[in-house]
N, C-alpha and C. Protein backbone atom coordinates (compact mmCIF):
# COMPACT_ATOMS: atom_id res chain seq x y z
N MET A 1 59.81 182.63 104.64
CA MET A 1 58.65 183.35 104.14
C MET A 1 58.71 183.39 102.62
N TYR A 2 57.60 183.10 102.00
CA TYR A 2 57.47 183.14 100.54
C TYR A 2 56.37 184.13 100.17
N ILE A 3 56.44 184.61 98.93
CA ILE A 3 55.38 185.45 98.38
C ILE A 3 54.65 184.61 97.35
N CYS A 4 53.34 184.47 97.53
CA CYS A 4 52.53 183.63 96.66
C CYS A 4 51.48 184.48 95.94
N PRO A 5 51.28 184.24 94.65
CA PRO A 5 50.15 184.86 93.97
C PRO A 5 48.86 184.22 94.50
N ALA A 6 47.90 185.05 94.88
CA ALA A 6 46.66 184.52 95.44
C ALA A 6 45.46 185.32 94.96
N ILE A 7 44.33 184.63 94.90
CA ILE A 7 43.04 185.26 94.60
C ILE A 7 42.14 184.98 95.80
N GLY A 8 41.40 185.99 96.25
CA GLY A 8 40.52 185.83 97.40
C GLY A 8 41.22 186.21 98.69
N GLU A 9 40.48 186.03 99.80
CA GLU A 9 41.02 186.42 101.10
C GLU A 9 40.68 185.38 102.14
N GLY A 10 41.47 185.35 103.19
CA GLY A 10 41.22 184.45 104.31
C GLY A 10 41.16 182.99 103.89
N HIS A 11 40.16 182.29 104.39
CA HIS A 11 40.00 180.86 104.08
C HIS A 11 39.54 180.62 102.65
N GLU A 12 39.12 181.67 101.98
CA GLU A 12 38.66 181.57 100.59
C GLU A 12 39.78 181.86 99.59
N ARG A 13 41.01 181.99 100.09
CA ARG A 13 42.14 182.33 99.23
C ARG A 13 42.60 181.11 98.43
N ASP A 14 42.86 181.34 97.15
CA ASP A 14 43.38 180.30 96.26
C ASP A 14 44.74 180.74 95.74
N PHE A 15 45.71 179.83 95.82
CA PHE A 15 47.05 180.11 95.33
C PHE A 15 47.17 179.69 93.87
N LEU A 16 48.14 180.27 93.19
CA LEU A 16 48.44 179.91 91.81
C LEU A 16 49.17 178.57 91.83
N VAL A 17 48.65 177.60 91.12
CA VAL A 17 49.22 176.25 91.11
C VAL A 17 49.49 175.79 89.69
N THR A 18 50.26 174.72 89.60
CA THR A 18 50.48 174.04 88.34
C THR A 18 50.25 172.55 88.58
N GLY A 19 49.73 171.88 87.58
CA GLY A 19 49.41 170.47 87.72
C GLY A 19 47.92 170.25 87.61
N ASN A 20 47.43 169.26 88.36
CA ASN A 20 46.00 168.96 88.36
C ASN A 20 45.53 168.68 89.78
N LEU A 21 44.29 168.33 89.97
CA LEU A 21 43.72 168.14 91.30
C LEU A 21 44.40 167.02 92.09
N ASP A 22 44.95 166.04 91.39
CA ASP A 22 45.57 164.90 92.05
C ASP A 22 47.07 165.03 92.21
N ASP A 23 47.67 166.06 91.63
CA ASP A 23 49.12 166.22 91.65
C ASP A 23 49.45 167.67 91.32
N PHE A 24 49.54 168.52 92.35
CA PHE A 24 49.77 169.94 92.08
C PHE A 24 50.91 170.50 92.93
N LYS A 25 51.53 171.55 92.38
CA LYS A 25 52.56 172.31 93.09
C LYS A 25 52.11 173.77 93.13
N ILE A 26 52.46 174.45 94.20
CA ILE A 26 52.11 175.86 94.35
C ILE A 26 53.30 176.71 93.90
N ILE A 27 53.02 177.74 93.12
CA ILE A 27 54.06 178.64 92.62
C ILE A 27 54.32 179.71 93.68
N VAL A 28 55.59 179.86 94.06
CA VAL A 28 55.99 180.82 95.10
C VAL A 28 57.20 181.63 94.62
N PHE A 29 57.42 182.75 95.30
CA PHE A 29 58.55 183.61 94.97
C PHE A 29 59.30 183.98 96.25
N SER A 30 60.59 184.26 96.08
CA SER A 30 61.45 184.52 97.24
C SER A 30 61.33 185.95 97.76
N GLY A 31 60.73 186.84 97.02
CA GLY A 31 60.56 188.22 97.46
C GLY A 31 59.64 188.97 96.51
N TYR A 32 59.37 190.22 96.83
CA TYR A 32 58.44 191.01 96.02
C TYR A 32 59.00 191.34 94.63
N ASP A 33 60.31 191.56 94.53
CA ASP A 33 60.90 191.81 93.21
C ASP A 33 60.74 190.59 92.32
N GLU A 34 61.02 189.41 92.87
CA GLU A 34 60.87 188.16 92.11
C GLU A 34 59.40 187.92 91.77
N TYR A 35 58.51 188.28 92.69
CA TYR A 35 57.07 188.15 92.44
C TYR A 35 56.67 188.96 91.21
N GLU A 36 57.09 190.21 91.15
CA GLU A 36 56.73 191.08 90.03
C GLU A 36 57.26 190.52 88.72
N LYS A 37 58.49 190.05 88.71
CA LYS A 37 59.07 189.46 87.49
C LYS A 37 58.32 188.19 87.10
N GLY A 38 57.99 187.37 88.08
CA GLY A 38 57.31 186.11 87.83
C GLY A 38 55.90 186.30 87.31
N ILE A 39 55.18 187.26 87.86
CA ILE A 39 53.82 187.54 87.41
C ILE A 39 53.83 188.01 85.96
N GLU A 40 54.81 188.84 85.63
CA GLU A 40 54.95 189.29 84.25
C GLU A 40 55.28 188.11 83.34
N TYR A 41 56.19 187.25 83.76
CA TYR A 41 56.57 186.06 83.00
C TYR A 41 55.37 185.14 82.77
N LEU A 42 54.56 184.93 83.80
CA LEU A 42 53.41 184.04 83.71
C LEU A 42 52.21 184.68 82.99
N GLU A 43 52.28 185.98 82.82
CA GLU A 43 51.22 186.74 82.16
C GLU A 43 49.87 186.56 82.85
N VAL A 44 49.88 186.69 84.18
CA VAL A 44 48.64 186.68 84.96
C VAL A 44 48.50 188.04 85.63
N SER A 45 47.27 188.48 85.81
CA SER A 45 47.09 189.82 86.36
C SER A 45 46.10 189.89 87.51
N ASP A 46 45.28 188.90 87.70
CA ASP A 46 44.24 188.98 88.72
C ASP A 46 44.71 188.61 90.13
N TYR A 47 45.94 188.15 90.24
CA TYR A 47 46.47 187.69 91.52
C TYR A 47 47.09 188.83 92.30
N MET A 48 47.06 188.70 93.64
CA MET A 48 47.68 189.66 94.54
C MET A 48 48.76 188.94 95.34
N PRO A 49 49.85 189.63 95.71
CA PRO A 49 50.89 188.97 96.50
C PRO A 49 50.41 188.68 97.92
N CYS A 50 50.80 187.54 98.42
CA CYS A 50 50.41 187.11 99.76
C CYS A 50 51.64 186.49 100.43
N GLU A 51 51.99 186.96 101.63
CA GLU A 51 53.11 186.38 102.36
C GLU A 51 52.65 185.10 103.03
N VAL A 52 53.43 184.03 102.82
CA VAL A 52 53.09 182.72 103.36
C VAL A 52 54.33 182.11 104.00
N SER A 53 54.15 181.56 105.19
CA SER A 53 55.28 180.96 105.91
C SER A 53 55.57 179.54 105.43
N GLU A 54 56.78 179.09 105.65
CA GLU A 54 57.15 177.71 105.32
C GLU A 54 56.31 176.72 106.11
N GLU A 55 55.88 177.10 107.29
CA GLU A 55 55.08 176.21 108.13
C GLU A 55 53.76 175.83 107.46
N LEU A 56 53.14 176.77 106.74
CA LEU A 56 51.89 176.45 106.06
C LEU A 56 52.12 175.34 105.03
N PHE A 57 53.21 175.43 104.28
CA PHE A 57 53.50 174.41 103.27
C PHE A 57 53.88 173.08 103.92
N CYS A 58 54.54 173.15 105.05
CA CYS A 58 54.88 171.93 105.80
C CYS A 58 53.60 171.22 106.24
N GLU A 59 52.65 171.96 106.77
CA GLU A 59 51.38 171.37 107.19
C GLU A 59 50.59 170.83 106.00
N LEU A 60 50.59 171.58 104.91
CA LEU A 60 49.91 171.13 103.71
C LEU A 60 50.53 169.83 103.19
N ALA A 61 51.85 169.75 103.24
CA ALA A 61 52.55 168.54 102.78
C ALA A 61 52.16 167.32 103.62
N LYS A 62 51.92 167.53 104.89
CA LYS A 62 51.54 166.43 105.78
C LYS A 62 50.09 166.01 105.60
N LYS A 63 49.22 166.95 105.22
CA LYS A 63 47.78 166.69 105.23
C LYS A 63 47.14 166.48 103.87
N ASP A 64 47.77 166.92 102.79
CA ASP A 64 47.13 166.85 101.47
C ASP A 64 47.93 165.94 100.55
N ASP A 65 47.38 164.79 100.23
CA ASP A 65 48.07 163.82 99.38
C ASP A 65 48.33 164.34 97.97
N ALA A 66 47.48 165.23 97.48
CA ALA A 66 47.62 165.74 96.12
C ALA A 66 48.70 166.81 96.00
N PHE A 67 49.04 167.47 97.10
CA PHE A 67 50.07 168.50 97.10
C PHE A 67 51.44 167.83 97.00
N THR A 68 52.21 168.20 95.96
CA THR A 68 53.51 167.54 95.76
C THR A 68 54.71 168.46 95.95
N GLY A 69 54.48 169.74 96.26
CA GLY A 69 55.59 170.64 96.53
C GLY A 69 55.32 172.05 96.07
N ILE A 70 56.42 172.83 96.03
CA ILE A 70 56.34 174.22 95.58
C ILE A 70 57.36 174.44 94.47
N ILE A 71 57.08 175.41 93.63
CA ILE A 71 58.04 175.82 92.60
C ILE A 71 58.48 177.24 92.95
N LEU A 72 59.76 177.40 93.22
CA LEU A 72 60.32 178.68 93.64
C LEU A 72 60.86 179.45 92.44
N ASN A 73 60.40 180.68 92.29
CA ASN A 73 60.87 181.58 91.23
C ASN A 73 60.83 180.91 89.87
N ILE A 74 59.64 180.58 89.43
CA ILE A 74 59.42 179.83 88.19
C ILE A 74 60.04 180.51 86.97
N HIS A 75 60.18 181.81 86.99
CA HIS A 75 60.70 182.58 85.86
C HIS A 75 62.21 182.56 85.76
N SER A 76 62.90 182.15 86.83
CA SER A 76 64.37 182.18 86.80
C SER A 76 64.96 180.87 87.31
N GLU A 77 64.90 180.63 88.61
CA GLU A 77 65.45 179.41 89.20
C GLU A 77 64.67 178.17 88.80
N ASN A 78 63.35 178.30 88.82
CA ASN A 78 62.44 177.17 88.56
C ASN A 78 62.80 175.98 89.46
N LYS A 79 63.08 176.30 90.73
CA LYS A 79 63.50 175.27 91.70
C LYS A 79 62.28 174.58 92.30
N ILE A 80 62.25 173.26 92.21
CA ILE A 80 61.17 172.49 92.79
C ILE A 80 61.60 172.02 94.17
N ILE A 81 60.79 172.34 95.17
CA ILE A 81 61.01 171.86 96.54
C ILE A 81 59.90 170.85 96.80
N SER A 82 60.29 169.60 96.94
CA SER A 82 59.32 168.52 97.03
C SER A 82 58.57 168.51 98.36
N LYS A 83 57.50 167.81 98.35
CA LYS A 83 56.68 167.60 99.55
C LYS A 83 57.55 167.02 100.68
N GLU A 84 58.38 166.07 100.35
CA GLU A 84 59.23 165.42 101.36
C GLU A 84 60.23 166.41 101.96
N GLU A 85 60.78 167.29 101.13
CA GLU A 85 61.70 168.31 101.63
C GLU A 85 60.98 169.30 102.55
N LEU A 86 59.76 169.63 102.23
CA LEU A 86 58.98 170.57 103.05
C LEU A 86 58.65 169.98 104.41
N ILE A 87 58.41 168.70 104.48
CA ILE A 87 58.05 168.06 105.75
C ILE A 87 59.19 168.14 106.75
N ILE A 88 60.43 168.09 106.28
CA ILE A 88 61.57 168.10 107.22
C ILE A 88 62.07 169.49 107.55
N ILE A 89 61.50 170.52 106.95
CA ILE A 89 61.92 171.91 107.25
C ILE A 89 61.51 172.26 108.66
């Protein structure tokens, strides 16, 4: 389970990403404490925390060519988990 900054609700929800339309990664956090630190680091305020399962990213990795992975705890670890790694989870 990851915590993602998101705007909107349901199917209209947009996650915080980095990159461009053809090559993007979604920014995620390992917990609510990390989320708060990361949001402060990124200096964004309009986003709300959203719990997202690894399965969602696995499905996205299989179906969206432009999705290239996730960035975990961008403010500290800055760990990139690639699309290929997500598919085998």
